[in-house]
Amino acid sequence: MSKPLSRRLQSLILRTQKYDFSITFKPRHRVVTADTLSRAPVQNWESLEPEVTTGNNISLSSINQTRLNEIRAATDHDEVLQVLKQVILHGWATQKSSVPDAITVF
């Protein structure tokens, strides 16, 4: 049985749900940012490969499946969220004036 999360960690999870990220351990000699901040030069930039990972916020949530299905159904019937979903899937406009009025707040 896992220990309940503190309020601070719950708040952190809620604030970061809008981002798609994962956290992995790297030994300090593999952390380029630390090298940059410490001004230690990286010997071979070409050998560094960018890491891209995806995560699923739902797995961090304590929402049960019934409630999750209710949220999905409500999202499917919300016109503003449907417009937002289409824009996210097909790409944002290059000009702010081209963004549909319903989703300019996003």
PDB file of N, CA and C in Angstrom:
ATOM      1  N   MET A   1       0.850  -1.180   0.000  1.00  0.00           N
ATOM      2  CA  MET A   1       0.000   0.000   0.000  1.00  0.00           C
ATOM      3  C   MET A   1       0.894   1.241   0.000  1.00  0.00           C
ATOM      4  N   SER A   2       0.615   2.168  -0.894  1.00  0.00           N
ATOM      5  CA  SER A   2       1.451   3.360  -0.980  1.00  0.00           C
ATOM      6  C   SER A   2       0.965   4.441  -0.025  1.00  0.00           C
ATOM      7  N   LYS A   3       1.891   5.262   0.391  1.00  0.00           N
ATOM      8  CA  LYS A   3       1.616   6.356   1.303  1.00  0.00           C
ATOM      9  C   LYS A   3       0.908   7.480   0.547  1.00  0.00           C
ATOM     10  N   PRO A   4      -0.088   8.146   1.146  1.00  0.00           N
ATOM     11  CA  PRO A   4      -0.763   9.262   0.456  1.00  0.00           C
ATOM     12  C   PRO A   4       0.220  10.395   0.167  1.00  0.00           C
ATOM     13  N   LEU A   5       0.003  11.081  -0.941  1.00  0.00           N
ATOM     14  CA  LEU A   5       0.873  12.191  -1.318  1.00  0.00           C
ATOM     15  C   LEU A   5       0.607  13.404  -0.445  1.00  0.00           C
ATOM     16  N   SER A   6       1.649  14.156  -0.152  1.00  0.00           N
ATOM     17  CA  SER A   6       1.499  15.388   0.619  1.00  0.00           C
ATOM     18  C   SER A   6       0.761  16.425  -0.227  1.00  0.00           C
ATOM     19  N   ARG A   7       0.245  17.449   0.422  1.00  0.00           N
ATOM     20  CA  ARG A   7      -0.452  18.521  -0.307  1.00  0.00           C
ATOM     21  C   ARG A   7       0.493  19.194  -1.299  1.00  0.00           C
ATOM     22  N   ARG A   8       1.749  19.351  -0.906  1.00  0.00           N
ATOM     23  CA  ARG A   8       2.730  19.987  -1.781  1.00  0.00           C
ATOM     24  C   ARG A   8       2.916  19.164  -3.053  1.00  0.00           C
ATOM     25  N   LEU A   9       3.038  17.836  -2.926  1.00  0.00           N
ATOM     26  CA  LEU A   9       3.205  16.996  -4.107  1.00  0.00           C
ATOM     27  C   LEU A   9       1.926  16.943  -4.942  1.00  0.00           C
ATOM     28  N   GLN A  10       0.772  16.904  -4.283  1.00  0.00           N
ATOM     29  CA  GLN A  10      -0.499  16.925  -5.022  1.00  0.00           C
ATOM     30  C   GLN A  10      -0.610  18.208  -5.829  1.00  0.00           C
ATOM     31  N   SER A  11      -0.233  19.323  -5.224  1.00  0.00           N
ATOM     32  CA  SER A  11      -0.277  20.613  -5.916  1.00  0.00           C
ATOM     33  C   SER A  11       0.689  20.631  -7.095  1.00  0.00           C
ATOM     34  N   LEU A  12       1.874  20.076  -6.899  1.00  0.00           N
ATOM     35  CA  LEU A  12       2.857  20.006  -7.978  1.00  0.00           C
ATOM     36  C   LEU A  12       2.321  19.175  -9.139  1.00  0.00           C
ATOM     37  N   ILE A  13       1.705  18.051  -8.848  1.00  0.00           N
ATOM     38  CA  ILE A  13       1.139  17.195  -9.898  1.00  0.00           C
ATOM     39  C   ILE A  13       0.038  17.932 -10.660  1.00  0.00           C
ATOM     40  N   LEU A  14      -0.834  18.628  -9.951  1.00  0.00           N
ATOM     41  CA  LEU A  14      -1.913  19.375 -10.619  1.00  0.00           C
ATOM     42  C   LEU A  14      -1.354  20.481 -11.513  1.00  0.00           C
ATOM     43  N   ARG A  15      -0.331  21.190 -11.018  1.00  0.00           N
ATOM     44  CA  ARG A  15       0.247  22.284 -11.810  1.00  0.00           C
ATOM     45  C   ARG A  15       0.992  21.782 -13.033  1.00  0.00           C
ATOM     46  N   THR A  16       1.550  20.601 -12.980  1.00  0.00           N
ATOM     47  CA  THR A  16       2.356  20.103 -14.088  1.00  0.00           C
ATOM     48  C   THR A  16       1.601  19.170 -15.031  1.00  0.00           C
ATOM     49  N   GLN A  17       0.311  18.914 -14.778  1.00  0.00           N
ATOM     50  CA  GLN A  17      -0.455  18.018 -15.644  1.00  0.00           C
ATOM     51  C   GLN A  17      -0.560  18.520 -17.076  1.00  0.00           C
ATOM     52  N   LYS A  18      -0.471  19.834 -17.269  1.00  0.00           N
ATOM     53  CA  LYS A  18      -0.597  20.365 -18.622  1.00  0.00           C
ATOM     54  C   LYS A  18       0.651  20.109 -19.463  1.00  0.00           C
ATOM     55  N   TYR A  19       1.722  19.648 -18.823  1.00  0.00           N
ATOM     56  CA  TYR A  19       2.960  19.374 -19.538  1.00  0.00           C
ATOM     57  C   TYR A  19       3.129  17.880 -19.781  1.00  0.00           C
ATOM     58  N   ASP A  20       3.803  17.549 -20.847  1.00  0.00           N
ATOM     59  CA  ASP A  20       4.087  16.160 -21.195  1.00  0.00           C
ATOM     60  C   ASP A  20       5.576  15.927 -20.976  1.00  0.00           C
ATOM     61  N   PHE A  21       5.923  15.282 -19.852  1.00  0.00           N
ATOM     62  CA  PHE A  21       7.326  15.091 -19.540  1.00  0.00           C
ATOM     63  C   PHE A  21       7.532  13.803 -18.744  1.00  0.00           C
ATOM     64  N   SER A  22       8.757  13.387 -18.670  1.00  0.00           N
ATOM     65  CA  SER A  22       9.125  12.283 -17.787  1.00  0.00           C
ATOM     66  C   SER A  22      10.444  12.634 -17.125  1.00  0.00           C
ATOM     67  N   ILE A  23      10.665  12.056 -15.975  1.00  0.00           N
ATOM     68  CA  ILE A  23      11.881  12.336 -15.225  1.00  0.00           C
ATOM     69  C   ILE A  23      12.698  11.059 -15.159  1.00  0.00           C
ATOM     70  N   THR A  24      13.950  11.165 -15.551  1.00  0.00           N
ATOM     71  CA  THR A  24      14.846  10.015 -15.497  1.00  0.00           C
ATOM     72  C   THR A  24      16.167  10.434 -14.861  1.00  0.00           C
ATOM     73  N   PHE A  25      16.789   9.503 -14.183  1.00  0.00           N
ATOM     74  CA  PHE A  25      18.084   9.753 -13.562  1.00  0.00           C
ATOM     75  C   PHE A  25      19.187   9.677 -14.609  1.00  0.00           C
ATOM     76  N   LYS A  26      20.121  10.609 -14.529  1.00  0.00           N
ATOM     77  CA  LYS A  26      21.308  10.565 -15.378  1.00  0.00           C
ATOM     78  C   LYS A  26      22.508  10.865 -14.482  1.00  0.00           C
ATOM     79  N   PRO A  27      23.577  10.123 -14.666  1.00  0.00           N
ATOM     80  CA  PRO A  27      24.793  10.437 -13.907  1.00  0.00           C
ATOM     81  C   PRO A  27      25.273  11.841 -14.271  1.00  0.00           C
ATOM     82  N   ARG A  28      25.917  12.510 -13.355  1.00  0.00           N
ATOM     83  CA  ARG A  28      26.286  13.914 -13.589  1.00  0.00           C
ATOM     84  C   ARG A  28      27.173  14.123 -14.810  1.00  0.00           C
ATOM     85  N   HIS A  29      27.963  13.140 -15.186  1.00  0.00           N
ATOM     86  CA  HIS A  29      28.809  13.326 -16.370  1.00  0.00           C
ATOM     87  C   HIS A  29      28.005  13.299 -17.668  1.00  0.00           C
ATOM     88  N   ARG A  30      26.720  12.893 -17.615  1.00  0.00           N
ATOM     89  CA  ARG A  30      25.870  12.876 -18.807  1.00  0.00           C
ATOM     90  C   ARG A  30      24.901  14.058 -18.860  1.00  0.00           C
ATOM     91  N   VAL A  31      24.919  14.932 -17.864  1.00  0.00           N
ATOM     92  CA  VAL A  31      23.981  16.053 -17.798  1.00  0.00           C
ATOM     93  C   VAL A  31      24.615  17.280 -18.442  1.00  0.00           C
ATOM     94  N   VAL A  32      24.175  17.591 -19.670  1.00  0.00           N
ATOM     95  CA  VAL A  32      24.753  18.702 -20.429  1.00  0.00           C
ATOM     96  C   VAL A  32      24.466  20.030 -19.754  1.00  0.00           C
ATOM     97  N   THR A  33      23.287  20.193 -19.201  1.00  0.00           N
ATOM     98  CA  THR A  33      22.936  21.456 -18.547  1.00  0.00           C
ATOM     99  C   THR A  33      23.889  21.748 -17.401  1.00  0.00           C
ATOM    100  N   ALA A  34      24.200  20.741 -16.618  1.00  0.00           N
ATOM    101  CA  ALA A  34      25.150  20.939 -15.527  1.00  0.00           C
ATOM    102  C   ALA A  34      26.510  21.350 -16.080  1.00  0.00           C
ATOM    103  N   ASP A  35      26.916  20.747 -17.190  1.00  0.00           N
ATOM    104  CA  ASP A  35      28.180  21.138 -17.814  1.00  0.00           C
ATOM    105  C   ASP A  35      28.136  22.595 -18.271  1.00  0.00           C
ATOM    106  N   THR A  36      27.017  22.997 -18.837  1.00  0.00           N
ATOM    107  CA  THR A  36      26.870  24.368 -19.303  1.00  0.00           C
ATOM    108  C   THR A  36      26.913  25.334 -18.127  1.00  0.00           C
ATOM    109  N   LEU A  37      26.179  25.009 -17.082  1.00  0.00           N
ATOM    110  CA  LEU A  37      26.137  25.901 -15.931  1.00  0.00           C
ATOM    111  C   LEU A  37      27.485  25.983 -15.221  1.00  0.00           C
ATOM    112  N   SER A  38      28.221  24.906 -15.235  1.00  0.00           N
ATOM    113  CA  SER A  38      29.523  24.907 -14.579  1.00  0.00           C
ATOM    114  C   SER A  38      30.633  25.368 -15.531  1.00  0.00           C
ATOM    115  N   ARG A  39      30.248  25.664 -16.764  1.00  0.00           N
ATOM    116  CA  ARG A  39      31.154  26.121 -17.812  1.00  0.00           C
ATOM    117  C   ARG A  39      32.168  25.062 -18.238  1.00  0.00           C
ATOM    118  N   ALA A  40      31.881  23.823 -17.931  1.00  0.00           N
ATOM    119  CA  ALA A  40      32.744  22.750 -18.408  1.00  0.00           C
ATOM    120  C   ALA A  40      32.345  22.442 -19.847  1.00  0.00           C
ATOM    121  N   PRO A  41      33.259  22.500 -20.789  1.00  0.00           N
ATOM    122  CA  PRO A  41      32.882  22.284 -22.192  1.00  0.00           C
ATOM    123  C   PRO A  41      32.495  20.837 -22.474  1.00  0.00           C
ATOM    124  N   VAL A  42      31.512  20.687 -23.338  1.00  0.00           N
ATOM    125  CA  VAL A  42      31.134  19.358 -23.808  1.00  0.00           C
ATOM    126  C   VAL A  42      32.056  19.033 -24.972  1.00  0.00           C
ATOM    127  N   GLN A  43      32.663  17.869 -24.918  1.00  0.00           N
ATOM    128  CA  GLN A  43      33.672  17.521 -25.916  1.00  0.00           C
ATOM    129  C   GLN A  43      33.084  17.243 -27.301  1.00  0.00           C
ATOM    130  N   ASN A  44      31.929  16.563 -27.355  1.00  0.00           N
ATOM    131  CA  ASN A  44      31.408  16.149 -28.654  1.00  0.00           C
ATOM    132  C   ASN A  44      29.887  16.326 -28.683  1.00  0.00           C
ATOM    133  N   TRP A  45      29.421  17.493 -29.147  1.00  0.00           N
ATOM    134  CA  TRP A  45      27.984  17.779 -29.197  1.00  0.00           C
ATOM    135  C   TRP A  45      27.259  16.849 -30.168  1.00  0.00           C
ATOM    136  N   GLU A  46      27.926  16.423 -31.222  1.00  0.00           N
ATOM    137  CA  GLU A  46      27.278  15.581 -32.225  1.00  0.00           C
ATOM    138  C   GLU A  46      26.859  14.224 -31.659  1.00  0.00           C
ATOM    139  N   SER A  47      27.546  13.762 -30.628  1.00  0.00           N
ATOM    140  CA  SER A  47      27.227  12.451 -30.067  1.00  0.00           C
ATOM    141  C   SER A  47      26.023  12.507 -29.121  1.00  0.00           C
ATOM    142  N   LEU A  48      25.597  13.711 -28.758  1.00  0.00           N
ATOM    143  CA  LEU A  48      24.456  13.842 -27.857  1.00  0.00           C
ATOM    144  C   LEU A  48      23.164  13.711 -28.635  1.00  0.00           C
ATOM    145  N   GLU A  49      22.321  12.791 -28.219  1.00  0.00           N
ATOM    146  CA  GLU A  49      21.033  12.593 -28.876  1.00  0.00           C
ATOM    147  C   GLU A  49      19.933  13.162 -27.999  1.00  0.00           C
ATOM    148  N   PRO A  50      19.010  13.928 -28.589  1.00  0.00           N
ATOM    149  CA  PRO A  50      17.902  14.441 -27.781  1.00  0.00           C
ATOM    150  C   PRO A  50      17.005  13.293 -27.335  1.00  0.00           C
ATOM    151  N   GLU A  51      16.504  13.413 -26.114  1.00  0.00           N
ATOM    152  CA  GLU A  51      15.616  12.388 -25.593  1.00  0.00           C
ATOM    153  C   GLU A  51      14.195  12.923 -25.585  1.00  0.00           C
ATOM    154  N   VAL A  52      13.311  12.190 -26.189  1.00  0.00           N
ATOM    155  CA  VAL A  52      11.910  12.569 -26.215  1.00  0.00           C
ATOM    156  C   VAL A  52      11.111  11.404 -25.662  1.00  0.00           C
ATOM    157  N   THR A  53      10.363  11.679 -24.620  1.00  0.00           N
ATOM    158  CA  THR A  53       9.512  10.644 -24.047  1.00  0.00           C
ATOM    159  C   THR A  53       8.119  11.212 -23.850  1.00  0.00           C
ATOM    160  N   THR A  54       7.168  10.350 -23.768  1.00  0.00           N
ATOM    161  CA  THR A  54       5.801  10.791 -23.520  1.00  0.00           C
ATOM    162  C   THR A  54       5.291  10.159 -22.240  1.00  0.00           C
ATOM    163  N   GLY A  55       4.379  10.836 -21.624  1.00  0.00           N
ATOM    164  CA  GLY A  55       3.796  10.329 -20.390  1.00  0.00           C
ATOM    165  C   GLY A  55       2.296  10.447 -20.431  1.00  0.00           C
ATOM    166  N   ASN A  56       1.668   9.850 -19.488  1.00  0.00           N
ATOM    167  CA  ASN A  56       0.211   9.871 -19.405  1.00  0.00           C
ATOM    168  C   ASN A  56      -0.183  10.408 -18.044  1.00  0.00           C
ATOM    169  N   ASN A  57      -0.774  11.612 -18.020  1.00  0.00           N
ATOM    170  CA  ASN A  57      -1.164  12.245 -16.765  1.00  0.00           C
ATOM    171  C   ASN A  57      -2.219  11.437 -16.024  1.00  0.00           C
ATOM    172  N   ILE A  58      -3.032  10.711 -16.746  1.00  0.00           N
ATOM    173  CA  ILE A  58      -4.113   9.959 -16.119  1.00  0.00           C
ATOM    174  C   ILE A  58      -3.548   8.946 -15.134  1.00  0.00           C
ATOM    175  N   SER A  59      -2.391   8.372 -15.427  1.00  0.00           N
ATOM    176  CA  SER A  59      -1.829   7.373 -14.522  1.00  0.00           C
ATOM    177  C   SER A  59      -1.429   7.985 -13.182  1.00  0.00           C
ATOM    178  N   LEU A  60      -1.209   9.313 -13.117  1.00  0.00           N
ATOM    179  CA  LEU A  60      -0.868   9.978 -11.872  1.00  0.00           C
ATOM    180  C   LEU A  60      -2.102  10.367 -11.070  1.00  0.00           C
ATOM    181  N   SER A  61      -3.234  10.294 -11.695  1.00  0.00           N
ATOM    182  CA  SER A  61      -4.461  10.771 -11.089  1.00  0.00           C
ATOM    183  C   SER A  61      -5.134   9.694 -10.249  1.00  0.00           C
ATOM    184  N   SER A  62      -5.846  10.155  -9.228  1.00  0.00           N
ATOM    185  CA  SER A  62      -6.590   9.213  -8.399  1.00  0.00           C
ATOM    186  C   SER A  62      -8.055   9.118  -8.838  1.00  0.00           C
ATOM    187  N   ILE A  63      -8.365   9.581 -10.043  1.00  0.00           N
ATOM    188  CA  ILE A  63      -9.733   9.532 -10.561  1.00  0.00           C
ATOM    189  C   ILE A  63     -10.072   8.097 -10.938  1.00  0.00           C
ATOM    190  N   ASN A  64     -11.237   7.638 -10.488  1.00  0.00           N
ATOM    191  CA  ASN A  64     -11.624   6.270 -10.846  1.00  0.00           C
ATOM    192  C   ASN A  64     -12.140   6.234 -12.284  1.00  0.00           C
ATOM    193  N   GLN A  65     -12.248   5.050 -12.831  1.00  0.00           N
ATOM    194  CA  GLN A  65     -12.598   4.883 -14.247  1.00  0.00           C
ATOM    195  C   GLN A  65     -13.978   5.450 -14.573  1.00  0.00           C
ATOM    196  N   THR A  66     -14.933   5.313 -13.669  1.00  0.00           N
ATOM    197  CA  THR A  66     -16.283   5.842 -13.910  1.00  0.00           C
ATOM    198  C   THR A  66     -16.240   7.358 -14.063  1.00  0.00           C
ATOM    199  N   ARG A  67     -15.546   8.027 -13.150  1.00  0.00           N
ATOM    200  CA  ARG A  67     -15.444   9.484 -13.209  1.00  0.00           C
ATOM    201  C   ARG A  67     -14.676   9.918 -14.459  1.00  0.00           C
ATOM    202  N   LEU A  68     -13.636   9.186 -14.807  1.00  0.00           N
ATOM    203  CA  LEU A  68     -12.867   9.495 -16.005  1.00  0.00           C
ATOM    204  C   LEU A  68     -13.739   9.396 -17.253  1.00  0.00           C
ATOM    205  N   ASN A  69     -14.591   8.389 -17.319  1.00  0.00           N
ATOM    206  CA  ASN A  69     -15.514   8.248 -18.453  1.00  0.00           C
ATOM    207  C   ASN A  69     -16.509   9.397 -18.503  1.00  0.00           C
ATOM    208  N   GLU A  70     -16.963   9.860 -17.328  1.00  0.00           N
ATOM    209  CA  GLU A  70     -17.865  11.020 -17.279  1.00  0.00           C
ATOM    210  C   GLU A  70     -17.166  12.268 -17.823  1.00  0.00           C
ATOM    211  N   ILE A  71     -15.923  12.454 -17.442  1.00  0.00           N
ATOM    212  CA  ILE A  71     -15.156  13.617 -17.916  1.00  0.00           C
ATOM    213  C   ILE A  71     -14.967  13.532 -19.424  1.00  0.00           C
ATOM    214  N   ARG A  72     -14.637  12.346 -19.929  1.00  0.00           N
ATOM    215  CA  ARG A  72     -14.466  12.179 -21.371  1.00  0.00           C
ATOM    216  C   ARG A  72     -15.765  12.464 -22.123  1.00  0.00           C
ATOM    217  N   ALA A  73     -16.885  11.987 -21.589  1.00  0.00           N
ATOM    218  CA  ALA A  73     -18.182  12.218 -22.242  1.00  0.00           C
ATOM    219  C   ALA A  73     -18.513  13.709 -22.246  1.00  0.00           C
ATOM    220  N   ALA A  74     -18.273  14.384 -21.127  1.00  0.00           N
ATOM    221  CA  ALA A  74     -18.544  15.825 -21.055  1.00  0.00           C
ATOM    222  C   ALA A  74     -17.640  16.585 -22.020  1.00  0.00           C
ATOM    223  N   THR A  75     -16.410  16.157 -22.132  1.00  0.00           N
ATOM    224  CA  THR A  75     -15.475  16.793 -23.070  1.00  0.00           C
ATOM    225  C   THR A  75     -15.961  16.624 -24.503  1.00  0.00           C
ATOM    226  N   ASP A  76     -16.448  15.430 -24.833  1.00  0.00           N
ATOM    227  CA  ASP A  76     -16.948  15.167 -26.187  1.00  0.00           C
ATOM    228  C   ASP A  76     -18.142  16.040 -26.543  1.00  0.00           C
ATOM    229  N   HIS A  77     -18.913  16.477 -25.543  1.00  0.00           N
ATOM    230  CA  HIS A  77     -20.105  17.297 -25.802  1.00  0.00           C
ATOM    231  C   HIS A  77     -19.848  18.794 -25.630  1.00  0.00           C
ATOM    232  N   ASP A  78     -18.655  19.181 -25.234  1.00  0.00           N
ATOM    233  CA  ASP A  78     -18.317  20.587 -25.040  1.00  0.00           C
ATOM    234  C   ASP A  78     -17.766  21.154 -26.347  1.00  0.00           C
ATOM    235  N   GLU A  79     -18.504  22.111 -26.937  1.00  0.00           N
ATOM    236  CA  GLU A  79     -18.122  22.665 -28.241  1.00  0.00           C
ATOM    237  C   GLU A  79     -16.767  23.374 -28.207  1.00  0.00           C
ATOM    238  N   VAL A  80     -16.496  24.130 -27.138  1.00  0.00           N
ATOM    239  CA  VAL A  80     -15.227  24.857 -27.036  1.00  0.00           C
ATOM    240  C   VAL A  80     -14.068  23.868 -26.963  1.00  0.00           C
ATOM    241  N   LEU A  81     -14.216  22.827 -26.162  1.00  0.00           N
ATOM    242  CA  LEU A  81     -13.139  21.842 -26.052  1.00  0.00           C
ATOM    243  C   LEU A  81     -12.934  21.083 -27.352  1.00  0.00           C
ATOM    244  N   GLN A  82     -13.982  20.896 -28.116  1.00  0.00           N
ATOM    245  CA  GLN A  82     -13.834  20.231 -29.412  1.00  0.00           C
ATOM    246  C   GLN A  82     -13.049  21.109 -30.389  1.00  0.00           C
ATOM    247  N   VAL A  83     -13.314  22.414 -30.367  1.00  0.00           N
ATOM    248  CA  VAL A  83     -12.552  23.340 -31.215  1.00  0.00           C
ATOM    249  C   VAL A  83     -11.087  23.324 -30.780  1.00  0.00           C
ATOM    250  N   LEU A  84     -10.857  23.394 -29.463  1.00  0.00           N
ATOM    251  CA  LEU A  84      -9.501  23.360 -28.935  1.00  0.00           C
ATOM    252  C   LEU A  84      -8.798  22.061 -29.316  1.00  0.00           C
ATOM    253  N   LYS A  85      -9.490  20.959 -29.212  1.00  0.00           N
ATOM    254  CA  LYS A  85      -8.910  19.654 -29.562  1.00  0.00           C
ATOM    255  C   LYS A  85      -8.473  19.628 -31.026  1.00  0.00           C
ATOM    256  N   GLN A  86      -9.320  20.131 -31.916  1.00  0.00           N
ATOM    257  CA  GLN A  86      -8.977  20.139 -33.338  1.00  0.00           C
ATOM    258  C   GLN A  86      -7.755  21.018 -33.615  1.00  0.00           C
ATOM    259  N   VAL A  87      -7.680  22.162 -32.950  1.00  0.00           N
ATOM    260  CA  VAL A  87      -6.538  23.051 -33.142  1.00  0.00           C
ATOM    261  C   VAL A  87      -5.266  22.380 -32.632  1.00  0.00           C
ATOM    262  N   ILE A  88      -5.347  21.718 -31.482  1.00  0.00           N
ATOM    263  CA  ILE A  88      -4.175  21.027 -30.935  1.00  0.00           C
ATOM    264  C   ILE A  88      -3.728  19.919 -31.877  1.00  0.00           C
ATOM    265  N   LEU A  89      -4.670  19.154 -32.396  1.00  0.00           N
ATOM    266  CA  LEU A  89      -4.336  18.031 -33.268  1.00  0.00           C
ATOM    267  C   LEU A  89      -3.790  18.471 -34.624  1.00  0.00           C
ATOM    268  N   HIS A  90      -4.283  19.605 -35.142  1.00  0.00           N
ATOM    269  CA  HIS A  90      -3.895  20.041 -36.484  1.00  0.00           C
ATOM    270  C   HIS A  90      -2.902  21.204 -36.487  1.00  0.00           C
ATOM    271  N   GLY A  91      -2.586  21.746 -35.317  1.00  0.00           N
ATOM    272  CA  GLY A  91      -1.595  22.815 -35.225  1.00  0.00           C
ATOM    273  C   GLY A  91      -2.217  24.182 -35.005  1.00  0.00           C
ATOM    274  N   TRP A  92      -1.548  24.963 -34.187  1.00  0.00           N
ATOM    275  CA  TRP A  92      -2.010  26.311 -33.887  1.00  0.00           C
ATOM    276  C   TRP A  92      -1.740  27.228 -35.079  1.00  0.00           C
ATOM    277  N   ALA A  93      -2.570  28.244 -35.202  1.00  0.00           N
ATOM    278  CA  ALA A  93      -2.409  29.244 -36.262  1.00  0.00           C
ATOM    279  C   ALA A  93      -1.128  30.035 -36.009  1.00  0.00           C
ATOM    280  N   THR A  94      -0.528  30.523 -37.070  1.00  0.00           N
ATOM    281  CA  THR A  94       0.700  31.311 -36.921  1.00  0.00           C
ATOM    282  C   THR A  94       0.401  32.734 -36.476  1.00  0.00           C
ATOM    283  N   GLN A  95      -0.807  33.208 -36.745  1.00  0.00           N
ATOM    284  CA  GLN A  95      -1.223  34.542 -36.331  1.00  0.00           C
ATOM    285  C   GLN A  95      -2.310  34.440 -35.269  1.00  0.00           C
ATOM    286  N   LYS A  96      -2.187  35.238 -34.216  1.00  0.00           N
ATOM    287  CA  LYS A  96      -3.180  35.215 -33.141  1.00  0.00           C
ATOM    288  C   LYS A  96      -4.577  35.545 -33.662  1.00  0.00           C
ATOM    289  N   SER A  97      -4.637  36.403 -34.660  1.00  0.00           N
ATOM    290  CA  SER A  97      -5.940  36.802 -35.209  1.00  0.00           C
ATOM    291  C   SER A  97      -6.646  35.639 -35.909  1.00  0.00           C
ATOM    292  N   SER A  98      -5.899  34.598 -36.265  1.00  0.00           N
ATOM    293  CA  SER A  98      -6.485  33.438 -36.942  1.00  0.00           C
ATOM    294  C   SER A  98      -7.011  32.384 -35.973  1.00  0.00           C
ATOM    295  N   VAL A  99      -6.739  32.555 -34.684  1.00  0.00           N
ATOM    296  CA  VAL A  99      -7.207  31.597 -33.680  1.00  0.00           C
ATOM    297  C   VAL A  99      -8.698  31.826 -33.461  1.00  0.00           C
ATOM    298  N   PRO A 100      -9.511  30.757 -33.457  1.00  0.00           N
ATOM    299  CA  PRO A 100     -10.945  30.918 -33.215  1.00  0.00           C
ATOM    300  C   PRO A 100     -11.203  31.643 -31.887  1.00  0.00           C
ATOM    301  N   ASP A 101     -12.182  32.553 -31.882  1.00  0.00           N
ATOM    302  CA  ASP A 101     -12.487  33.355 -30.701  1.00  0.00           C
ATOM    303  C   ASP A 101     -12.756  32.485 -29.464  1.00  0.00           C
ATOM    304  N   ALA A 102     -13.382  31.348 -29.650  1.00  0.00           N
ATOM    305  CA  ALA A 102     -13.777  30.504 -28.533  1.00  0.00           C
ATOM    306  C   ALA A 102     -12.571  29.993 -27.740  1.00  0.00           C
ATOM    307  N   ILE A 103     -11.403  29.927 -28.372  1.00  0.00           N
ATOM    308  CA  ILE A 103     -10.248  29.343 -27.678  1.00  0.00           C
ATOM    309  C   ILE A 103      -9.098  30.314 -27.478  1.00  0.00           C
ATOM    310  N   THR A 104      -9.322  31.593 -27.658  1.00  0.00           N
ATOM    311  CA  THR A 104      -8.229  32.555 -27.471  1.00  0.00           C
ATOM    312  C   THR A 104      -7.733  32.580 -26.030  1.00  0.00           C
ATOM    313  N   VAL A 105      -8.563  32.190 -25.065  1.00  0.00           N
ATOM    314  CA  VAL A 105      -8.135  32.173 -23.675  1.00  0.00           C
ATOM    315  C   VAL A 105      -7.093  31.101 -23.412  1.00  0.00           C
ATOM    316  N   PHE A 106      -7.018  30.112 -24.302  1.00  0.00           N
ATOM    317  CA  PHE A 106      -6.052  29.041 -24.119  1.00  0.00           C
ATOM    318  C   PHE A 106      -4.733  29.422 -24.729  1.00  0.00           C
TER     319      PHE A 106
END
